[in-house]
Amino acid sequence: MSTGYADRWITCAPDAILIRGYYFPWGTKRIPYGSIRSIRRVNMGALTGRGRIWGTSNPRYWASLDPCRPRKRTALILDVGGRVRPFLTPDDPAAVEAAIREHVHLGPATTGGGRGPVV
């Protein structure tokens, strides 16, 4: 598997996805590909992610640190089998989704995206 990705906050490494700025103050979360059950692409609005730089108001989701999130339109939500789902906003959501789908064998990406949750 050769698909990889890296930006300031997210890296798709050979064995896991690394999310910098996930924990306070700057801790990195490592999610092994084997623990990812599904990935969902969502569109963000003012209350559904774009207004949140870090954290959450919804205990089901956790938005990793991304100071550029207000300028982005698309987010990825990972189901990792726990109560809290990571809410990610990579610079290139399609590339991250493709890398995760290749490693996890989830099949092709869906087009578009639904409305995101309140975060």
N, C-alpha and C. Protein backbone atom coordinates (compact mmCIF):
# COMPACT_ATOMS: atom_id res chain seq x y z
N MET A 1 0.83 -1.18 0.00
CA MET A 1 0.00 0.00 0.00
C MET A 1 0.88 1.23 0.00
N SER A 2 0.74 2.03 -1.01
CA SER A 2 1.60 3.19 -1.15
C SER A 2 0.90 4.50 -0.82
N THR A 3 -0.41 4.47 -0.61
CA THR A 3 -1.13 5.71 -0.37
C THR A 3 -0.73 6.30 0.97
N GLY A 4 -0.25 7.53 0.94
CA GLY A 4 0.11 8.25 2.14
C GLY A 4 -0.37 9.68 2.03
N TYR A 5 -0.36 10.39 3.14
CA TYR A 5 -0.82 11.77 3.15
C TYR A 5 -0.20 12.44 4.36
N ALA A 6 0.08 13.73 4.23
CA ALA A 6 0.55 14.51 5.37
C ALA A 6 0.25 15.98 5.15
N ASP A 7 -0.28 16.61 6.17
CA ASP A 7 -0.41 18.07 6.21
C ASP A 7 0.02 18.50 7.61
N ARG A 8 -0.24 19.71 7.98
CA ARG A 8 0.23 20.25 9.26
C ARG A 8 -0.31 19.44 10.45
N TRP A 9 -1.55 18.94 10.36
CA TRP A 9 -2.20 18.32 11.50
C TRP A 9 -2.44 16.82 11.36
N ILE A 10 -2.49 16.31 10.13
CA ILE A 10 -2.87 14.91 9.92
C ILE A 10 -1.82 14.21 9.05
N THR A 11 -1.44 13.00 9.47
CA THR A 11 -0.52 12.17 8.70
C THR A 11 -1.10 10.77 8.58
N CYS A 12 -1.15 10.27 7.36
CA CYS A 12 -1.54 8.88 7.12
C CYS A 12 -0.24 8.09 6.99
N ALA A 13 0.20 7.51 8.09
CA ALA A 13 1.43 6.72 8.14
C ALA A 13 1.13 5.31 7.63
N PRO A 14 2.15 4.47 7.45
CA PRO A 14 1.91 3.12 6.94
C PRO A 14 0.99 2.26 7.81
N ASP A 15 0.99 2.47 9.14
CA ASP A 15 0.20 1.61 10.02
C ASP A 15 -0.91 2.31 10.79
N ALA A 16 -0.97 3.65 10.72
CA ALA A 16 -1.96 4.37 11.52
C ALA A 16 -2.12 5.80 11.00
N ILE A 17 -3.20 6.43 11.41
CA ILE A 17 -3.38 7.84 11.14
C ILE A 17 -2.98 8.59 12.41
N LEU A 18 -2.18 9.64 12.23
CA LEU A 18 -1.70 10.46 13.35
C LEU A 18 -2.38 11.81 13.27
N ILE A 19 -2.98 12.23 14.39
CA ILE A 19 -3.70 13.50 14.44
C ILE A 19 -3.03 14.38 15.48
N ARG A 20 -2.25 15.35 15.02
CA ARG A 20 -1.59 16.29 15.92
C ARG A 20 -2.61 17.29 16.44
N GLY A 21 -2.42 17.74 17.67
CA GLY A 21 -3.34 18.71 18.27
C GLY A 21 -4.66 18.11 18.71
N TYR A 22 -4.70 16.81 18.88
CA TYR A 22 -5.94 16.16 19.31
C TYR A 22 -6.16 16.35 20.80
N TYR A 23 -5.10 16.13 21.57
CA TYR A 23 -5.17 16.25 23.02
C TYR A 23 -4.60 17.60 23.46
N PHE A 24 -5.06 18.12 24.59
CA PHE A 24 -4.56 19.37 25.14
C PHE A 24 -3.22 19.14 25.78
N PRO A 25 -2.22 19.99 25.62
CA PRO A 25 -2.29 21.15 24.75
C PRO A 25 -1.93 20.83 23.31
N TRP A 26 -1.05 19.86 23.05
CA TRP A 26 -0.63 19.58 21.67
C TRP A 26 -0.44 18.10 21.42
N GLY A 27 -1.05 17.26 22.19
CA GLY A 27 -0.84 15.82 22.08
C GLY A 27 -1.34 15.22 20.78
N THR A 28 -0.65 14.19 20.32
CA THR A 28 -0.99 13.50 19.08
C THR A 28 -1.76 12.22 19.38
N LYS A 29 -2.84 12.01 18.64
CA LYS A 29 -3.61 10.78 18.74
C LYS A 29 -3.19 9.87 17.60
N ARG A 30 -2.96 8.61 17.94
CA ARG A 30 -2.58 7.60 16.95
C ARG A 30 -3.74 6.61 16.84
N ILE A 31 -4.28 6.49 15.64
CA ILE A 31 -5.40 5.57 15.40
C ILE A 31 -4.93 4.50 14.42
N PRO A 32 -4.71 3.28 14.89
CA PRO A 32 -4.32 2.20 13.98
C PRO A 32 -5.45 1.97 12.95
N TYR A 33 -5.07 1.71 11.73
CA TYR A 33 -6.07 1.49 10.69
C TYR A 33 -7.03 0.36 11.05
N GLY A 34 -6.54 -0.65 11.74
CA GLY A 34 -7.37 -1.78 12.12
C GLY A 34 -8.51 -1.43 13.05
N SER A 35 -8.42 -0.29 13.74
CA SER A 35 -9.50 0.09 14.67
C SER A 35 -10.56 0.98 14.00
N ILE A 36 -10.34 1.37 12.75
CA ILE A 36 -11.31 2.22 12.05
C ILE A 36 -12.40 1.34 11.44
N ARG A 37 -13.63 1.57 11.88
CA ARG A 37 -14.77 0.79 11.39
C ARG A 37 -15.40 1.42 10.15
N SER A 38 -15.46 2.75 10.15
CA SER A 38 -16.03 3.44 8.99
C SER A 38 -15.53 4.88 8.97
N ILE A 39 -15.71 5.51 7.82
CA ILE A 39 -15.36 6.91 7.64
C ILE A 39 -16.52 7.57 6.92
N ARG A 40 -16.87 8.77 7.37
CA ARG A 40 -17.99 9.49 6.77
C ARG A 40 -17.55 10.91 6.43
N ARG A 41 -17.82 11.32 5.20
CA ARG A 41 -17.53 12.68 4.77
C ARG A 41 -18.78 13.53 4.98
N VAL A 42 -18.61 14.70 5.62
CA VAL A 42 -19.74 15.59 5.88
C VAL A 42 -19.41 17.02 5.46
N ASN A 43 -20.45 17.76 5.15
CA ASN A 43 -20.32 19.18 4.85
C ASN A 43 -20.46 19.96 6.14
N MET A 44 -19.62 20.98 6.31
CA MET A 44 -19.65 21.78 7.53
C MET A 44 -20.37 23.10 7.30
N GLY A 45 -21.04 23.56 8.34
CA GLY A 45 -21.65 24.88 8.37
C GLY A 45 -21.23 25.57 9.66
N ALA A 46 -21.80 26.71 9.95
CA ALA A 46 -21.42 27.49 11.14
C ALA A 46 -21.57 26.68 12.43
N LEU A 47 -22.66 25.93 12.56
CA LEU A 47 -22.88 25.14 13.78
C LEU A 47 -22.45 23.69 13.63
N THR A 48 -22.09 23.31 12.44
CA THR A 48 -21.72 21.91 12.21
C THR A 48 -20.24 21.76 11.90
N GLY A 49 -19.42 22.52 12.61
CA GLY A 49 -17.98 22.32 12.55
C GLY A 49 -17.13 23.52 12.19
N ARG A 50 -17.59 24.37 11.28
CA ARG A 50 -16.73 25.46 10.82
C ARG A 50 -16.42 26.47 11.92
N GLY A 51 -17.31 26.63 12.86
CA GLY A 51 -17.09 27.59 13.94
C GLY A 51 -16.28 27.05 15.09
N ARG A 52 -15.85 25.80 15.02
CA ARG A 52 -15.15 25.15 16.12
C ARG A 52 -13.70 24.90 15.72
N ILE A 53 -12.76 25.55 16.38
CA ILE A 53 -11.34 25.36 16.07
C ILE A 53 -10.79 24.11 16.76
N TRP A 54 -11.30 23.82 17.96
CA TRP A 54 -10.83 22.65 18.71
C TRP A 54 -11.88 22.28 19.74
N GLY A 55 -12.08 21.02 19.99
CA GLY A 55 -13.00 20.57 21.03
C GLY A 55 -14.37 20.24 20.49
N THR A 56 -15.39 20.39 21.36
CA THR A 56 -16.75 20.04 20.95
C THR A 56 -17.78 20.58 21.93
N SER A 57 -19.00 20.67 21.47
CA SER A 57 -20.14 20.90 22.36
C SER A 57 -21.03 19.67 22.33
N ASN A 58 -20.63 18.66 21.56
CA ASN A 58 -21.37 17.42 21.40
C ASN A 58 -20.47 16.28 21.89
N PRO A 59 -20.86 15.59 22.96
CA PRO A 59 -19.97 14.56 23.52
C PRO A 59 -19.74 13.35 22.61
N ARG A 60 -20.40 13.25 21.47
CA ARG A 60 -20.19 12.13 20.54
C ARG A 60 -19.04 12.37 19.58
N TYR A 61 -18.57 13.62 19.45
CA TYR A 61 -17.53 13.96 18.47
C TYR A 61 -16.46 14.80 19.14
N TRP A 62 -15.22 14.69 18.62
CA TRP A 62 -14.13 15.53 19.11
C TRP A 62 -13.39 16.11 17.92
N ALA A 63 -13.40 17.42 17.81
CA ALA A 63 -12.72 18.12 16.73
C ALA A 63 -11.28 18.39 17.13
N SER A 64 -10.34 17.81 16.39
CA SER A 64 -8.93 18.05 16.65
C SER A 64 -8.60 19.51 16.32
N LEU A 65 -7.51 20.01 16.85
CA LEU A 65 -7.11 21.39 16.62
C LEU A 65 -6.89 21.65 15.14
N ASP A 66 -7.54 22.70 14.62
CA ASP A 66 -7.34 23.15 13.24
C ASP A 66 -7.74 24.61 13.15
N PRO A 67 -6.77 25.53 13.29
CA PRO A 67 -7.07 26.95 13.22
C PRO A 67 -7.64 27.38 11.86
N CYS A 68 -7.46 26.59 10.82
CA CYS A 68 -7.97 26.93 9.49
C CYS A 68 -9.36 26.36 9.23
N ARG A 69 -9.95 25.65 10.19
CA ARG A 69 -11.25 25.02 9.99
C ARG A 69 -12.34 25.99 9.53
N PRO A 70 -12.41 27.24 10.01
CA PRO A 70 -13.47 28.14 9.54
C PRO A 70 -13.45 28.39 8.02
N ARG A 71 -12.33 28.16 7.37
CA ARG A 71 -12.23 28.36 5.92
C ARG A 71 -12.47 27.08 5.12
N LYS A 72 -12.68 25.97 5.81
CA LYS A 72 -12.88 24.69 5.14
C LYS A 72 -14.36 24.35 5.06
N ARG A 73 -14.71 23.47 4.14
CA ARG A 73 -16.11 23.10 3.91
C ARG A 73 -16.43 21.64 4.21
N THR A 74 -15.40 20.78 4.25
CA THR A 74 -15.61 19.34 4.37
C THR A 74 -14.84 18.77 5.56
N ALA A 75 -15.49 17.84 6.26
CA ALA A 75 -14.86 17.16 7.39
C ALA A 75 -15.01 15.65 7.21
N LEU A 76 -14.17 14.92 7.92
CA LEU A 76 -14.25 13.46 7.96
C LEU A 76 -14.51 13.03 9.40
N ILE A 77 -15.43 12.10 9.57
CA ILE A 77 -15.73 11.56 10.89
C ILE A 77 -15.35 10.09 10.88
N LEU A 78 -14.52 9.70 11.85
CA LEU A 78 -14.07 8.31 11.94
C LEU A 78 -14.83 7.58 13.03
N ASP A 79 -15.32 6.40 12.73
CA ASP A 79 -15.91 5.52 13.73
C ASP A 79 -14.81 4.55 14.13
N VAL A 80 -14.34 4.69 15.37
CA VAL A 80 -13.26 3.84 15.86
C VAL A 80 -13.74 2.88 16.95
N GLY A 81 -15.05 2.73 17.04
CA GLY A 81 -15.60 1.77 17.98
C GLY A 81 -15.83 2.29 19.38
N GLY A 82 -15.52 3.54 19.64
CA GLY A 82 -15.72 4.12 20.97
C GLY A 82 -16.91 5.07 20.98
N ARG A 83 -17.15 5.66 22.12
CA ARG A 83 -18.26 6.61 22.23
C ARG A 83 -17.98 7.91 21.51
N VAL A 84 -16.71 8.30 21.44
CA VAL A 84 -16.34 9.57 20.81
C VAL A 84 -15.73 9.28 19.44
N ARG A 85 -16.18 10.04 18.45
CA ARG A 85 -15.68 9.88 17.08
C ARG A 85 -14.82 11.08 16.71
N PRO A 86 -13.59 10.84 16.25
CA PRO A 86 -12.75 11.95 15.81
C PRO A 86 -13.37 12.68 14.61
N PHE A 87 -13.33 14.01 14.67
CA PHE A 87 -13.86 14.91 13.64
C PHE A 87 -12.65 15.62 13.04
N LEU A 88 -12.30 15.27 11.80
CA LEU A 88 -11.06 15.75 11.18
C LEU A 88 -11.35 16.67 10.01
N THR A 89 -10.49 17.66 9.82
CA THR A 89 -10.60 18.55 8.67
C THR A 89 -9.24 18.68 7.99
N PRO A 90 -8.87 17.65 7.23
CA PRO A 90 -7.58 17.71 6.52
C PRO A 90 -7.63 18.75 5.41
N ASP A 91 -6.45 19.18 4.96
CA ASP A 91 -6.37 20.12 3.84
C ASP A 91 -6.93 19.50 2.57
N ASP A 92 -6.77 18.19 2.41
CA ASP A 92 -7.29 17.47 1.25
C ASP A 92 -8.11 16.28 1.73
N PRO A 93 -9.41 16.50 2.03
CA PRO A 93 -10.22 15.42 2.58
C PRO A 93 -10.31 14.19 1.67
N ALA A 94 -10.36 14.40 0.36
CA ALA A 94 -10.45 13.27 -0.57
C ALA A 94 -9.22 12.38 -0.48
N ALA A 95 -8.04 12.97 -0.36
CA ALA A 95 -6.81 12.18 -0.26
C ALA A 95 -6.75 11.39 1.03
N VAL A 96 -7.17 11.99 2.14
CA VAL A 96 -7.17 11.29 3.43
C VAL A 96 -8.20 10.17 3.40
N GLU A 97 -9.37 10.45 2.89
CA GLU A 97 -10.40 9.42 2.80
C GLU A 97 -9.92 8.25 1.94
N ALA A 98 -9.30 8.55 0.81
CA ALA A 98 -8.79 7.49 -0.07
C ALA A 98 -7.70 6.66 0.63
N ALA A 99 -6.80 7.33 1.35
CA ALA A 99 -5.73 6.61 2.06
C ALA A 99 -6.31 5.70 3.13
N ILE A 100 -7.27 6.20 3.89
CA ILE A 100 -7.88 5.38 4.94
C ILE A 100 -8.65 4.21 4.32
N ARG A 101 -9.42 4.50 3.29
CA ARG A 101 -10.20 3.43 2.66
C ARG A 101 -9.29 2.34 2.08
N GLU A 102 -8.14 2.72 1.54
CA GLU A 102 -7.21 1.73 1.00
C GLU A 102 -6.63 0.86 2.11
N HIS A 103 -6.25 1.48 3.24
CA HIS A 103 -5.67 0.72 4.34
C HIS A 103 -6.70 -0.15 5.06
N VAL A 104 -7.94 0.34 5.15
CA VAL A 104 -8.96 -0.37 5.92
C VAL A 104 -9.83 -1.27 5.04
N HIS A 105 -9.69 -1.14 3.72
CA HIS A 105 -10.47 -1.93 2.75
C HIS A 105 -11.97 -1.66 2.90
N LEU A 106 -12.34 -0.37 2.90
CA LEU A 106 -13.73 0.03 3.05
C LEU A 106 -14.46 0.20 1.73
N GLY A 107 -13.78 0.07 0.63
CA GLY A 107 -14.42 0.28 -0.66
C GLY A 107 -14.29 1.72 -1.10
N PRO A 108 -14.86 2.05 -2.25
CA PRO A 108 -14.69 3.40 -2.80
C PRO A 108 -15.42 4.45 -1.97
N ALA A 109 -14.93 5.69 -2.08
CA ALA A 109 -15.52 6.81 -1.37
C ALA A 109 -16.86 7.16 -1.97
N THR A 110 -17.72 7.70 -1.14
CA THR A 110 -19.00 8.18 -1.62
C THR A 110 -18.83 9.59 -2.13
N THR A 111 -19.66 9.99 -3.07
CA THR A 111 -19.57 11.35 -3.59
C THR A 111 -20.36 12.28 -2.69
N GLY A 112 -19.91 13.53 -2.64
CA GLY A 112 -20.61 14.52 -1.83
C GLY A 112 -20.45 14.23 -0.35
N GLY A 113 -21.40 14.69 0.42
CA GLY A 113 -21.38 14.48 1.85
C GLY A 113 -22.65 15.00 2.45
N GLY A 114 -23.08 14.39 3.51
CA GLY A 114 -24.28 14.85 4.19
C GLY A 114 -23.96 16.00 5.12
N ARG A 115 -24.98 16.50 5.74
CA ARG A 115 -24.82 17.57 6.72
C ARG A 115 -24.13 17.01 7.94
N GLY A 116 -23.17 17.72 8.47
CA GLY A 116 -22.43 17.26 9.62
C GLY A 116 -23.18 17.47 10.92
N PRO A 117 -22.75 16.83 12.01
CA PRO A 117 -23.38 17.00 13.31
C PRO A 117 -22.97 18.32 13.94
N VAL A 118 -23.72 18.76 14.92
CA VAL A 118 -23.32 19.93 15.69
C VAL A 118 -22.08 19.55 16.48
N VAL A 119 -21.01 20.32 16.31
CA VAL A 119 -19.75 20.01 16.96
C VAL A 119 -19.35 21.16 17.87
